[in-house]
């Protein structure tokens, strides 16, 4: 048995959860914040059999594509003057961890 922990962009989370549930995976969603943008994420916890890990990761990959967004950024010139300028950043995608589960019980 494996535990898949996937950190996905908040915008991708609904679609990836729907696809995982449709494929028969049980998913627990946790609202999280992280990254240098401090943007909203969803951390998905998925318990599955060893032989279904690749299928699960494939579904996550299919639904969580990286994309470029423009966000405001603030620069300071060290003399008390600050200005805002747009910054292009890559968002989306997924960070996935697969860990062994020694014991699993559904109570």
Protein backbone atom coordinates (compact mmCIF):
# COMPACT_ATOMS: atom_id res chain seq x y z
CA UNK A 1 0.00 0.00 0.00
CA UNK A 2 1.18 3.55 -0.81
CA UNK A 3 0.25 7.04 0.29
CA UNK A 4 0.37 9.59 -2.50
CA UNK A 5 0.59 13.19 -1.33
CA UNK A 6 0.07 15.64 -4.19
CA UNK A 7 0.30 19.41 -3.87
CA UNK A 8 -1.68 20.98 -6.70
CA UNK A 9 -2.74 24.47 -7.68
CA UNK A 10 -6.12 25.46 -6.23
CA UNK A 11 -7.47 26.08 -9.74
CA UNK A 12 -6.60 22.52 -10.81
CA UNK A 13 -7.85 20.77 -7.67
CA UNK A 14 -11.53 20.35 -8.58
CA UNK A 15 -10.77 18.78 -11.95
CA UNK A 16 -8.06 16.44 -10.60
CA UNK A 17 -10.28 15.33 -7.69
CA UNK A 18 -13.17 14.60 -10.05
CA UNK A 19 -10.92 12.52 -12.32
CA UNK A 20 -9.42 10.59 -9.41
CA UNK A 21 -12.83 9.82 -7.88
CA UNK A 22 -14.18 8.78 -11.29
CA UNK A 23 -11.26 6.33 -11.56
CA UNK A 24 -12.08 4.84 -8.14
CA UNK A 25 -9.47 6.56 -5.95
CA UNK A 26 -10.37 7.90 -2.50
CA UNK A 27 -9.09 11.44 -2.03
CA UNK A 28 -8.76 13.66 1.03
CA UNK A 29 -8.29 17.36 0.25
CA UNK A 30 -6.53 19.83 2.53
CA UNK A 31 -6.41 23.56 1.81
CA UNK A 32 -2.79 24.69 1.98
CA UNK A 33 -0.73 27.77 1.18
CA UNK A 34 2.80 27.79 -0.06
CA UNK A 35 5.32 28.68 -2.66
CA UNK A 36 6.96 32.01 -3.10
CA UNK A 37 3.65 33.56 -4.23
CA UNK A 38 1.95 32.35 -1.04
CA UNK A 39 -0.89 31.25 -3.32
CA UNK A 40 -3.63 28.80 -2.42
CA UNK A 41 -2.95 25.14 -3.04
CA UNK A 42 -4.69 21.89 -2.33
CA UNK A 43 -2.81 19.01 -0.80
CA UNK A 44 -4.37 15.71 -1.83
CA UNK A 45 -3.86 12.55 0.20
CA UNK A 46 -4.56 9.35 -1.72
CA UNK A 47 -4.13 5.85 -0.31
CA UNK A 48 -3.82 3.20 -3.00
CA UNK A 49 -2.44 -0.22 -3.84
CA UNK A 50 1.11 -0.39 -5.15
CA UNK A 51 0.05 -1.37 -8.67
CA UNK A 52 -2.24 1.69 -9.03
CA UNK A 53 0.39 4.34 -8.22
CA UNK A 54 1.34 5.00 -11.86
CA UNK A 55 -2.33 5.31 -12.89
CA UNK A 56 -2.95 7.82 -10.10
CA UNK A 57 0.10 9.91 -10.94
CA UNK A 58 -0.89 9.83 -14.62
CA UNK A 59 -4.31 11.29 -13.79
CA UNK A 60 -2.74 14.00 -11.65
CA UNK A 61 -0.30 14.83 -14.44
CA UNK A 62 -3.10 14.99 -17.01
CA UNK A 63 -5.05 17.52 -14.93
CA UNK A 64 -2.25 19.68 -13.51
CA UNK A 65 -0.35 21.45 -16.26
CA UNK A 66 2.13 24.25 -15.67
CA UNK A 67 1.25 27.64 -17.11
CA UNK A 68 2.64 31.17 -17.02
CA UNK A 69 0.83 34.02 -15.25
CA UNK A 70 1.69 37.66 -14.79
CA UNK A 71 1.56 38.87 -11.18
CA UNK A 72 2.37 42.25 -9.66
CA UNK A 73 5.69 42.55 -7.90
CA UNK A 74 7.11 45.33 -5.77
CA UNK A 75 10.69 46.51 -6.10
CA UNK A 76 12.39 48.89 -3.72
CA UNK A 77 15.30 51.05 -4.85
CA UNK A 78 16.75 51.41 -1.33
CA UNK A 79 15.98 55.13 -1.15
CA UNK A 80 12.41 54.81 0.07
CA UNK A 81 10.98 54.59 -3.44
CA UNK A 82 8.98 51.50 -4.32
CA UNK A 83 7.40 50.67 -7.63
CA UNK A 84 5.16 47.89 -8.85
CA UNK A 85 5.95 46.03 -12.04
CA UNK A 86 4.56 42.83 -13.52
CA UNK A 87 6.47 39.60 -13.06
CA UNK A 88 5.97 36.48 -15.17
CA UNK A 89 5.85 33.29 -13.05
CA UNK A 90 5.15 29.62 -13.68
CA UNK A 91 2.19 28.23 -11.73
CA UNK A 92 0.30 24.95 -11.76
CA UNK A 93 1.71 21.51 -12.14
CA UNK A 94 1.94 19.24 -9.14
CA UNK A 95 4.45 18.12 -6.56
CA UNK A 96 3.91 14.44 -5.75
CA UNK A 97 5.33 12.31 -2.95
CA UNK A 98 4.83 8.53 -2.78
CA UNK A 99 5.48 6.86 0.56
CA UNK A 100 5.12 3.33 1.85
CA UNK A 101 2.25 2.63 4.25
CA UNK A 102 3.05 0.09 6.90
CA UNK A 103 -0.52 -0.24 8.14
CA UNK A 104 -3.89 0.91 6.82
CA UNK A 105 -7.25 0.63 8.54
CA UNK A 106 -10.56 2.12 7.51
CA UNK A 107 -12.70 2.49 10.65
